[in-house]
């Protein structure tokens, strides 16, 4: 469904010019409407909420753009709130390189920009303020293992033996920190431009633990042909436990109607996060 005349008029007011073309862009894991708009040499990317979930996400993303800035972020053009359909406009990055494939140089660019991001101090909520149970994954699995076991990754015997160590390590992982953290780093949110790596989709941005933020990227990186997580984040078994627990508690749950592809990517990331935790904690192999 296309934008209404009122929504287009709101976008034009933010842009300060009238696009000649509105090209729909498909992608992402939520049903927000996305467009690349152009008028001659002028280009921009417009994202419009389509339901209450995406409306809340866009408001949080606008908050992040208001609090942070740097070469690791796209240029923020503007924002228009609306009870039903807020819209956000940033620079168009369709000409950038979007991994995969991953190369050592691209990985290094992401690490460099992640360090710059984590060096910023911003006025955003703490992770615990936004999601108090963000790292309750293995404890949740212990309370009800059925969803995790339905994935077929591990036997009940393996889970019973491994759960105490996984839950202890997860509990040792601090979410606290004052660093600007993205907490949704994956290749679909990372591009490589002339100035280096840039991160998009800032709805989950908070103040938090930078090692945990980086740790959430690493299973998806290995999924796409990158190195094992511990080669980029050595010596953090608590992060490996927390990341694997997050996906273990969610990947087997019912599909989210407003974001139907999320469970698939969570399952795929768990396939690399769980072996990372097993190696980091010296647990028995999956069985």
C-alpha atoms as a PDB file:
ATOM      1  CA  UNK A   1       0.000   0.000   0.000  1.00  0.00           C
ATOM      2  CA  UNK A   2       1.417   3.356  -1.002  1.00  0.00           C
ATOM      3  CA  UNK A   3       1.645   6.498   1.030  1.00  0.00           C
ATOM      4  CA  UNK A   4      -1.363   8.719   1.425  1.00  0.00           C
ATOM      5  CA  UNK A   5      -1.265  12.259   0.006  1.00  0.00           C
ATOM      6  CA  UNK A   6      -1.005  13.570   3.562  1.00  0.00           C
ATOM      7  CA  UNK A   7       2.015  11.359   4.316  1.00  0.00           C
ATOM      8  CA  UNK A   8       3.732  12.489   1.125  1.00  0.00           C
ATOM      9  CA  UNK A   9       3.050  16.098   2.011  1.00  0.00           C
ATOM     10  CA  UNK A  10       4.587  15.574   5.454  1.00  0.00           C
ATOM     11  CA  UNK A  11       7.683  14.009   3.902  1.00  0.00           C
ATOM     12  CA  UNK A  12       8.019  16.878   1.440  1.00  0.00           C
ATOM     13  CA  UNK A  13       7.776  19.383   4.289  1.00  0.00           C
ATOM     14  CA  UNK A  14      10.654  17.657   6.087  1.00  0.00           C
ATOM     15  CA  UNK A  15      12.734  17.370   2.907  1.00  0.00           C
ATOM     16  CA  UNK A  16      12.134  20.932   1.761  1.00  0.00           C
ATOM     17  CA  UNK A  17      11.735  19.696  -1.817  1.00  0.00           C
ATOM     18  CA  UNK A  18       9.239  17.638  -3.787  1.00  0.00           C
ATOM     19  CA  UNK A  19      10.447  14.218  -4.944  1.00  0.00           C
ATOM     20  CA  UNK A  20       9.853  13.363  -8.567  1.00  0.00           C
ATOM     21  CA  UNK A  21      10.100   9.618  -7.837  1.00  0.00           C
ATOM     22  CA  UNK A  22       9.202   7.396  -4.898  1.00  0.00           C
ATOM     23  CA  UNK A  23      10.851   3.993  -5.281  1.00  0.00           C
ATOM     24  CA  UNK A  24       9.746   1.351  -2.738  1.00  0.00           C
ATOM     25  CA  UNK A  25      12.604  -0.474  -1.026  1.00  0.00           C
ATOM     26  CA  UNK A  26      12.061  -4.011   0.198  1.00  0.00           C
ATOM     27  CA  UNK A  27      13.988  -5.434   3.119  1.00  0.00           C
ATOM     28  CA  UNK A  28      14.289  -5.306   6.861  1.00  0.00           C
ATOM     29  CA  UNK A  29      12.515  -7.493   9.385  1.00  0.00           C
ATOM     30  CA  UNK A  30       9.536  -5.221  10.106  1.00  0.00           C
ATOM     31  CA  UNK A  31       6.745  -4.008   7.793  1.00  0.00           C
ATOM     32  CA  UNK A  32       7.689  -0.331   7.878  1.00  0.00           C
ATOM     33  CA  UNK A  33       7.322   1.301   4.459  1.00  0.00           C
ATOM     34  CA  UNK A  34      10.646   2.293   2.904  1.00  0.00           C
ATOM     35  CA  UNK A  35      11.311   4.534  -0.086  1.00  0.00           C
ATOM     36  CA  UNK A  36      14.233   6.056  -1.927  1.00  0.00           C
ATOM     37  CA  UNK A  37      13.042   9.452  -3.166  1.00  0.00           C
ATOM     38  CA  UNK A  38      14.769  11.477  -5.857  1.00  0.00           C
ATOM     39  CA  UNK A  39      14.540  14.729  -7.740  1.00  0.00           C
ATOM     40  CA  UNK A  40      17.463  15.172 -10.079  1.00  0.00           C
ATOM     41  CA  UNK A  41      20.622  15.010  -7.967  1.00  0.00           C
ATOM     42  CA  UNK A  42      18.668  15.163  -4.708  1.00  0.00           C
ATOM     43  CA  UNK A  43      18.135  11.811  -2.988  1.00  0.00           C
ATOM     44  CA  UNK A  44      16.928  10.628   0.401  1.00  0.00           C
ATOM     45  CA  UNK A  45      15.639   7.565   2.229  1.00  0.00           C
ATOM     46  CA  UNK A  46      12.177   7.762   3.819  1.00  0.00           C
ATOM     47  CA  UNK A  47      10.894   5.246   6.361  1.00  0.00           C
ATOM     48  CA  UNK A  48       7.244   5.370   7.440  1.00  0.00           C
ATOM     49  CA  UNK A  49       5.560   3.425  10.243  1.00  0.00           C
ATOM     50  CA  UNK A  50       2.719   1.108   9.231  1.00  0.00           C
ATOM     51  CA  UNK A  51       1.534  -0.181  12.634  1.00  0.00           C
ATOM     52  CA  UNK A  52       1.967   0.594  16.342  1.00  0.00           C
ATOM     53  CA  UNK A  53       5.120  -1.539  16.590  1.00  0.00           C
ATOM     54  CA  UNK A  54       6.934   0.263  13.777  1.00  0.00           C
ATOM     55  CA  UNK A  55       5.651   3.610  15.067  1.00  0.00           C
ATOM     56  CA  UNK A  56       7.316   2.974  18.413  1.00  0.00           C
ATOM     57  CA  UNK A  57      10.501   1.836  16.732  1.00  0.00           C
ATOM     58  CA  UNK A  58      10.670   4.963  14.567  1.00  0.00           C
ATOM     59  CA  UNK A  59      10.199   7.199  17.615  1.00  0.00           C
ATOM     60  CA  UNK A  60      13.072   5.453  19.379  1.00  0.00           C
ATOM     61  CA  UNK A  61      15.200   5.736  16.252  1.00  0.00           C
ATOM     62  CA  UNK A  62      14.494   9.463  15.990  1.00  0.00           C
ATOM     63  CA  UNK A  63      15.502   9.789  19.642  1.00  0.00           C
ATOM     64  CA  UNK A  64      18.833   8.116  18.845  1.00  0.00           C
ATOM     65  CA  UNK A  65      19.513  10.464  15.927  1.00  0.00           C
ATOM     66  CA  UNK A  66      18.781  13.386  18.221  1.00  0.00           C
ATOM     67  CA  UNK A  67      21.217  12.138  20.855  1.00  0.00           C
ATOM     68  CA  UNK A  68      24.169  10.888  18.793  1.00  0.00           C
ATOM     69  CA  UNK A  69      26.168  11.834  15.731  1.00  0.00           C
ATOM     70  CA  UNK A  70      29.258  10.617  13.969  1.00  0.00           C
ATOM     71  CA  UNK A  71      30.591   9.161  10.764  1.00  0.00           C
ATOM     72  CA  UNK A  72      29.214   5.794  11.879  1.00  0.00           C
ATOM     73  CA  UNK A  73      25.653   7.151  11.361  1.00  0.00           C
ATOM     74  CA  UNK A  74      23.882   8.254   8.196  1.00  0.00           C
ATOM     75  CA  UNK A  75      23.179  11.949   7.831  1.00  0.00           C
ATOM     76  CA  UNK A  76      19.917  12.721   9.568  1.00  0.00           C
ATOM     77  CA  UNK A  77      17.592  14.843   7.395  1.00  0.00           C
ATOM     78  CA  UNK A  78      14.477  15.090   9.506  1.00  0.00           C
ATOM     79  CA  UNK A  79      11.571  13.600  11.360  1.00  0.00           C
ATOM     80  CA  UNK A  80       7.817  14.049  11.440  1.00  0.00           C
ATOM     81  CA  UNK A  81       5.774  12.538  14.253  1.00  0.00           C
ATOM     82  CA  UNK A  82       2.196  11.435  13.855  1.00  0.00           C
ATOM     83  CA  UNK A  83      -0.011   9.257  16.083  1.00  0.00           C
ATOM     84  CA  UNK A  84      -0.310   6.550  13.445  1.00  0.00           C
ATOM     85  CA  UNK A  85       2.453   7.066  10.875  1.00  0.00           C
ATOM     86  CA  UNK A  86       5.592   8.863  12.047  1.00  0.00           C
ATOM     87  CA  UNK A  87       8.246   9.114   9.354  1.00  0.00           C
ATOM     88  CA  UNK A  88      12.018   9.388   9.443  1.00  0.00           C
ATOM     89  CA  UNK A  89      14.263  10.689   6.651  1.00  0.00           C
ATOM     90  CA  UNK A  90      18.014  10.076   6.328  1.00  0.00           C
ATOM     91  CA  UNK A  91      20.532  10.178   3.524  1.00  0.00           C
ATOM     92  CA  UNK A  92      20.150   7.570   0.807  1.00  0.00           C
ATOM     93  CA  UNK A  93      22.793   4.858   1.161  1.00  0.00           C
ATOM     94  CA  UNK A  94      21.736   2.651  -1.746  1.00  0.00           C
ATOM     95  CA  UNK A  95      25.039   3.354  -3.540  1.00  0.00           C
ATOM     96  CA  UNK A  96      27.098   2.109  -0.579  1.00  0.00           C
ATOM     97  CA  UNK A  97      28.473  -1.442  -0.376  1.00  0.00           C
ATOM     98  CA  UNK A  98      26.277  -3.775   1.676  1.00  0.00           C
ATOM     99  CA  UNK A  99      28.050  -6.915   2.949  1.00  0.00           C
ATOM    100  CA  UNK A 100      28.237  -9.820   2.596  1.00  0.00           C
ATOM    101  CA  UNK A 101      30.681 -10.770   1.301  1.00  0.00           C
ATOM    102  CA  UNK A 102      32.907  -9.894   4.216  1.00  0.00           C
ATOM    103  CA  UNK A 103      36.598  -9.166   3.820  1.00  0.00           C
ATOM    104  CA  UNK A 104      39.200  -8.460   6.464  1.00  0.00           C
ATOM    105  CA  UNK A 105      39.191  -4.811   5.408  1.00  0.00           C
ATOM    106  CA  UNK A 106      35.413  -4.521   5.762  1.00  0.00           C
ATOM    107  CA  UNK A 107      35.444  -6.211   9.158  1.00  0.00           C
ATOM    108  CA  UNK A 108      38.194  -3.849  10.302  1.00  0.00           C
ATOM    109  CA  UNK A 109      36.125  -0.863   9.140  1.00  0.00           C
ATOM    110  CA  UNK A 110      33.163  -2.060  11.178  1.00  0.00           C
ATOM    111  CA  UNK A 111      35.353  -2.583  14.247  1.00  0.00           C
ATOM    112  CA  UNK A 112      36.843   0.892  13.860  1.00  0.00           C
ATOM    113  CA  UNK A 113      33.463   2.558  13.602  1.00  0.00           C
ATOM    114  CA  UNK A 114      32.037   0.445  16.417  1.00  0.00           C
ATOM    115  CA  UNK A 115      34.872   1.699  18.624  1.00  0.00           C
ATOM    116  CA  UNK A 116      34.019   5.289  17.661  1.00  0.00           C
ATOM    117  CA  UNK A 117      30.366   4.640  18.448  1.00  0.00           C
ATOM    118  CA  UNK A 118      31.193   3.078  21.803  1.00  0.00           C
ATOM    119  CA  UNK A 119      33.388   6.052  22.725  1.00  0.00           C
ATOM    120  CA  UNK A 120      30.374   8.387  22.623  1.00  0.00           C
ATOM    121  CA  UNK A 121      28.431   9.298  25.738  1.00  0.00           C
ATOM    122  CA  UNK A 122      24.809  10.142  25.020  1.00  0.00           C
ATOM    123  CA  UNK A 123      21.532  10.966  26.706  1.00  0.00           C
ATOM    124  CA  UNK A 124      19.711   7.704  25.991  1.00  0.00           C
ATOM    125  CA  UNK A 125      18.109   5.160  28.325  1.00  0.00           C
ATOM    126  CA  UNK A 126      20.085   2.286  29.782  1.00  0.00           C
ATOM    127  CA  UNK A 127      19.424  -1.150  28.314  1.00  0.00           C
ATOM    128  CA  UNK A 128      17.934  -2.240  31.636  1.00  0.00           C
ATOM    129  CA  UNK A 129      15.485   0.679  31.500  1.00  0.00           C
ATOM    130  CA  UNK A 130      14.234  -0.402  28.069  1.00  0.00           C
ATOM    131  CA  UNK A 131      14.341  -4.181  28.569  1.00  0.00           C
ATOM    132  CA  UNK A 132      14.933  -5.320  32.165  1.00  0.00           C
ATOM    133  CA  UNK A 133      14.934  -8.973  31.075  1.00  0.00           C
ATOM    134  CA  UNK A 134      17.201  -8.601  28.059  1.00  0.00           C
ATOM    135  CA  UNK A 135      19.686 -11.125  29.470  1.00  0.00           C
ATOM    136  CA  UNK A 136      17.272 -13.601  31.011  1.00  0.00           C
ATOM    137  CA  UNK A 137      17.660 -16.070  28.169  1.00  0.00           C
ATOM    138  CA  UNK A 138      19.020 -19.229  29.740  1.00  0.00           C
ATOM    139  CA  UNK A 139      16.995 -18.645  32.898  1.00  0.00           C
ATOM    140  CA  UNK A 140      13.915 -18.470  30.680  1.00  0.00           C
ATOM    141  CA  UNK A 141      14.919 -21.692  28.927  1.00  0.00           C
ATOM    142  CA  UNK A 142      15.349 -23.351  32.338  1.00  0.00           C
ATOM    143  CA  UNK A 143      11.793 -22.369  33.307  1.00  0.00           C
ATOM    144  CA  UNK A 144      10.348 -23.757  30.071  1.00  0.00           C
ATOM    145  CA  UNK A 145      12.751 -25.527  27.701  1.00  0.00           C
ATOM    146  CA  UNK A 146      10.110 -26.657  25.213  1.00  0.00           C
ATOM    147  CA  UNK A 147      10.588 -23.865  22.659  1.00  0.00           C
ATOM    148  CA  UNK A 148      14.379 -24.265  22.659  1.00  0.00           C
ATOM    149  CA  UNK A 149      14.234 -28.049  22.411  1.00  0.00           C
ATOM    150  CA  UNK A 150      11.772 -27.795  19.521  1.00  0.00           C
ATOM    151  CA  UNK A 151      14.592 -26.347  17.426  1.00  0.00           C
ATOM    152  CA  UNK A 152      16.364 -29.714  17.413  1.00  0.00           C
ATOM    153  CA  UNK A 153      19.778 -28.243  18.216  1.00  0.00           C
ATOM    154  CA  UNK A 154      20.336 -30.118  21.469  1.00  0.00           C
ATOM    155  CA  UNK A 155      18.983 -33.043  23.435  1.00  0.00           C
ATOM    156  CA  UNK A 156      17.249 -32.701  26.783  1.00  0.00           C
ATOM    157  CA  UNK A 157      20.160 -34.529  28.420  1.00  0.00           C
ATOM    158  CA  UNK A 158      22.676 -32.053  26.996  1.00  0.00           C
ATOM    159  CA  UNK A 159      20.548 -29.097  28.069  1.00  0.00           C
ATOM    160  CA  UNK A 160      20.130 -30.398  31.625  1.00  0.00           C
ATOM    161  CA  UNK A 161      23.898 -30.812  31.949  1.00  0.00           C
ATOM    162  CA  UNK A 162      24.834 -27.480  30.351  1.00  0.00           C
ATOM    163  CA  UNK A 163      22.176 -25.155  31.751  1.00  0.00           C
ATOM    164  CA  UNK A 164      23.797 -24.434  35.144  1.00  0.00           C
ATOM    165  CA  UNK A 165      27.044 -23.203  33.552  1.00  0.00           C
ATOM    166  CA  UNK A 166      25.226 -21.261  30.840  1.00  0.00           C
ATOM    167  CA  UNK A 167      22.936 -19.548  33.341  1.00  0.00           C
ATOM    168  CA  UNK A 168      25.828 -18.672  35.681  1.00  0.00           C
ATOM    169  CA  UNK A 169      27.882 -17.169  32.871  1.00  0.00           C
ATOM    170  CA  UNK A 170      24.883 -15.258  31.555  1.00  0.00           C
ATOM    171  CA  UNK A 171      24.279 -13.825  35.031  1.00  0.00           C
ATOM    172  CA  UNK A 172      27.906 -12.633  35.095  1.00  0.00           C
ATOM    173  CA  UNK A 173      27.397 -10.562  31.925  1.00  0.00           C
ATOM    174  CA  UNK A 174      26.885  -6.919  32.770  1.00  0.00           C
ATOM    175  CA  UNK A 175      24.460  -4.909  30.682  1.00  0.00           C
ATOM    176  CA  UNK A 176      25.493  -1.715  32.416  1.00  0.00           C
ATOM    177  CA  UNK A 177      27.625   0.893  30.706  1.00  0.00           C
ATOM    178  CA  UNK A 178      27.674   4.453  29.472  1.00  0.00           C
ATOM    179  CA  UNK A 179      28.695   3.667  25.889  1.00  0.00           C
ATOM    180  CA  UNK A 180      26.446   4.420  22.940  1.00  0.00           C
ATOM    181  CA  UNK A 181      25.403   0.937  21.865  1.00  0.00           C
ATOM    182  CA  UNK A 182      23.403  -0.049  18.787  1.00  0.00           C
ATOM    183  CA  UNK A 183      22.221  -3.529  19.849  1.00  0.00           C
ATOM    184  CA  UNK A 184      21.024  -4.533  16.392  1.00  0.00           C
ATOM    185  CA  UNK A 185      24.256  -4.912  14.463  1.00  0.00           C
ATOM    186  CA  UNK A 186      23.803  -7.260  11.507  1.00  0.00           C
ATOM    187  CA  UNK A 187      24.801  -7.005   7.869  1.00  0.00           C
ATOM    188  CA  UNK A 188      21.399  -5.627   6.860  1.00  0.00           C
ATOM    189  CA  UNK A 189      22.099  -2.719   9.227  1.00  0.00           C
ATOM    190  CA  UNK A 190      25.708  -2.168   8.111  1.00  0.00           C
ATOM    191  CA  UNK A 191      27.029  -0.616   4.916  1.00  0.00           C
ATOM    192  CA  UNK A 192      30.441   0.535   3.756  1.00  0.00           C
ATOM    193  CA  UNK A 193      30.631   4.048   2.341  1.00  0.00           C
ATOM    194  CA  UNK A 194      33.520   6.298   1.304  1.00  0.00           C
ATOM    195  CA  UNK A 195      34.047   7.324   4.926  1.00  0.00           C
ATOM    196  CA  UNK A 196      33.956   3.814   6.344  1.00  0.00           C
ATOM    197  CA  UNK A 197      31.277   1.636   7.878  1.00  0.00           C
ATOM    198  CA  UNK A 198      27.896   3.100   8.794  1.00  0.00           C
ATOM    199  CA  UNK A 199      25.172   1.622  10.953  1.00  0.00           C
ATOM    200  CA  UNK A 200      21.451   2.102  10.271  1.00  0.00           C
ATOM    201  CA  UNK A 201      18.207   1.200  12.093  1.00  0.00           C
ATOM    202  CA  UNK A 202      18.897   2.771  15.485  1.00  0.00           C
ATOM    203  CA  UNK A 203      15.619   1.833  17.201  1.00  0.00           C
ATOM    204  CA  UNK A 204      17.387  -0.364  19.781  1.00  0.00           C
ATOM    205  CA  UNK A 205      20.134   2.150  20.657  1.00  0.00           C
ATOM    206  CA  UNK A 206      20.777   2.597  24.375  1.00  0.00           C
ATOM    207  CA  UNK A 207      23.582   3.189  26.853  1.00  0.00           C
ATOM    208  CA  UNK A 208      25.166  -0.139  27.597  1.00  0.00           C
ATOM    209  CA  UNK A 209      28.064  -2.570  27.598  1.00  0.00           C
ATOM    210  CA  UNK A 210      30.121  -2.246  24.379  1.00  0.00           C
ATOM    211  CA  UNK A 211      31.436  -5.823  24.538  1.00  0.00           C
ATOM    212  CA  UNK A 212      27.875  -7.124  24.621  1.00  0.00           C
ATOM    213  CA  UNK A 213      26.897  -4.861  21.720  1.00  0.00           C
ATOM    214  CA  UNK A 214      29.775  -6.207  19.627  1.00  0.00           C
ATOM    215  CA  UNK A 215      29.018  -9.761  20.729  1.00  0.00           C
ATOM    216  CA  UNK A 216      25.534  -9.635  19.263  1.00  0.00           C
ATOM    217  CA  UNK A 217      27.006  -8.925  15.812  1.00  0.00           C
ATOM    218  CA  UNK A 218      29.503 -11.766  15.757  1.00  0.00           C
ATOM    219  CA  UNK A 219      27.257 -14.833  15.244  1.00  0.00           C
ATOM    220  CA  UNK A 220      25.657 -13.232  12.188  1.00  0.00           C
ATOM    221  CA  UNK A 221      29.107 -12.318  10.896  1.00  0.00           C
ATOM    222  CA  UNK A 222      30.233 -15.943  11.118  1.00  0.00           C
ATOM    223  CA  UNK A 223      26.950 -17.025   9.527  1.00  0.00           C
ATOM    224  CA  UNK A 224      27.935 -14.916   6.507  1.00  0.00           C
ATOM    225  CA  UNK A 225      31.444 -16.335   6.186  1.00  0.00           C
ATOM    226  CA  UNK A 226      33.301 -14.268   8.786  1.00  0.00           C
ATOM    227  CA  UNK A 227      35.605 -15.540  11.521  1.00  0.00           C
ATOM    228  CA  UNK A 228      34.565 -17.238  14.739  1.00  0.00           C
ATOM    229  CA  UNK A 229      33.304 -14.766  17.366  1.00  0.00           C
ATOM    230  CA  UNK A 230      36.135 -15.345  19.826  1.00  0.00           C
ATOM    231  CA  UNK A 231      38.705 -14.275  17.241  1.00  0.00           C
ATOM    232  CA  UNK A 232      37.265 -10.739  17.395  1.00  0.00           C
ATOM    233  CA  UNK A 233      36.094 -10.754  21.014  1.00  0.00           C
ATOM    234  CA  UNK A 234      38.421 -13.055  22.958  1.00  0.00           C
ATOM    235  CA  UNK A 235      38.072 -13.697  26.647  1.00  0.00           C
ATOM    236  CA  UNK A 236      34.374 -12.965  27.075  1.00  0.00           C
ATOM    237  CA  UNK A 237      32.594 -16.230  27.951  1.00  0.00           C
ATOM    238  CA  UNK A 238      29.897 -14.237  29.730  1.00  0.00           C
ATOM    239  CA  UNK A 239      29.059 -12.422  26.481  1.00  0.00           C
ATOM    240  CA  UNK A 240      28.948 -15.709  24.579  1.00  0.00           C
ATOM    241  CA  UNK A 241      26.528 -17.088  27.175  1.00  0.00           C
ATOM    242  CA  UNK A 242      24.352 -13.972  27.147  1.00  0.00           C
ATOM    243  CA  UNK A 243      24.150 -13.757  23.356  1.00  0.00           C
ATOM    244  CA  UNK A 244      23.383 -17.451  22.927  1.00  0.00           C
ATOM    245  CA  UNK A 245      20.826 -17.284  25.715  1.00  0.00           C
ATOM    246  CA  UNK A 246      19.041 -14.366  24.092  1.00  0.00           C
ATOM    247  CA  UNK A 247      18.553 -16.330  20.871  1.00  0.00           C
ATOM    248  CA  UNK A 248      17.921 -19.658  22.634  1.00  0.00           C
ATOM    249  CA  UNK A 249      14.966 -18.195  24.533  1.00  0.00           C
ATOM    250  CA  UNK A 250      13.381 -16.645  21.421  1.00  0.00           C
ATOM    251  CA  UNK A 251      14.192 -18.592  18.250  1.00  0.00           C
ATOM    252  CA  UNK A 252      11.679 -21.350  18.941  1.00  0.00           C
ATOM    253  CA  UNK A 253       8.789 -19.094  19.928  1.00  0.00           C
ATOM    254  CA  UNK A 254       5.805 -18.493  17.625  1.00  0.00           C
ATOM    255  CA  UNK A 255       6.270 -16.181  14.662  1.00  0.00           C
ATOM    256  CA  UNK A 256       5.756 -12.493  15.404  1.00  0.00           C
ATOM    257  CA  UNK A 257       2.903 -11.336  13.133  1.00  0.00           C
ATOM    258  CA  UNK A 258       4.314  -7.813  12.782  1.00  0.00           C
ATOM    259  CA  UNK A 259       7.838  -9.133  12.049  1.00  0.00           C
ATOM    260  CA  UNK A 260       7.447 -12.638  10.590  1.00  0.00           C
ATOM    261  CA  UNK A 261      11.091 -13.086   9.538  1.00  0.00           C
ATOM    262  CA  UNK A 262      12.628 -12.424  12.947  1.00  0.00           C
ATOM    263  CA  UNK A 263      12.452 -16.015  14.227  1.00  0.00           C
ATOM    264  CA  UNK A 264      14.326 -17.295  11.168  1.00  0.00           C
ATOM    265  CA  UNK A 265      17.268 -14.961  11.689  1.00  0.00           C
ATOM    266  CA  UNK A 266      17.288 -15.670  15.426  1.00  0.00           C
ATOM    267  CA  UNK A 267      17.472 -19.400  14.685  1.00  0.00           C
ATOM    268  CA  UNK A 268      20.291 -18.855  12.202  1.00  0.00           C
ATOM    269  CA  UNK A 269      22.292 -16.748  14.657  1.00  0.00           C
ATOM    270  CA  UNK A 270      21.740 -19.257  17.453  1.00  0.00           C
ATOM    271  CA  UNK A 271      23.375 -21.869  15.228  1.00  0.00           C
ATOM    272  CA  UNK A 272      26.665 -19.988  15.664  1.00  0.00           C
ATOM    273  CA  UNK A 273      26.129 -18.333  19.051  1.00  0.00           C
ATOM    274  CA  UNK A 274      25.541 -21.620  20.861  1.00  0.00           C
ATOM    275  CA  UNK A 275      28.752 -23.323  19.637  1.00  0.00           C
ATOM    276  CA  UNK A 276      30.601 -20.119  20.625  1.00  0.00           C
ATOM    277  CA  UNK A 277      29.248 -20.424  24.173  1.00  0.00           C
ATOM    278  CA  UNK A 278      30.108 -24.124  24.252  1.00  0.00           C
ATOM    279  CA  UNK A 279      33.710 -23.403  23.274  1.00  0.00           C
ATOM    280  CA  UNK A 280      33.990 -20.430  25.629  1.00  0.00           C
ATOM    281  CA  UNK A 281      32.679 -22.379  28.641  1.00  0.00           C
ATOM    282  CA  UNK A 282      34.284 -25.719  27.806  1.00  0.00           C
ATOM    283  CA  UNK A 283      30.940 -27.514  27.639  1.00  0.00           C
ATOM    284  CA  UNK A 284      30.261 -30.880  26.073  1.00  0.00           C
ATOM    285  CA  UNK A 285      29.484 -30.917  22.382  1.00  0.00           C
ATOM    286  CA  UNK A 286      25.859 -30.728  21.344  1.00  0.00           C
ATOM    287  CA  UNK A 287      24.010 -33.985  21.482  1.00  0.00           C
END
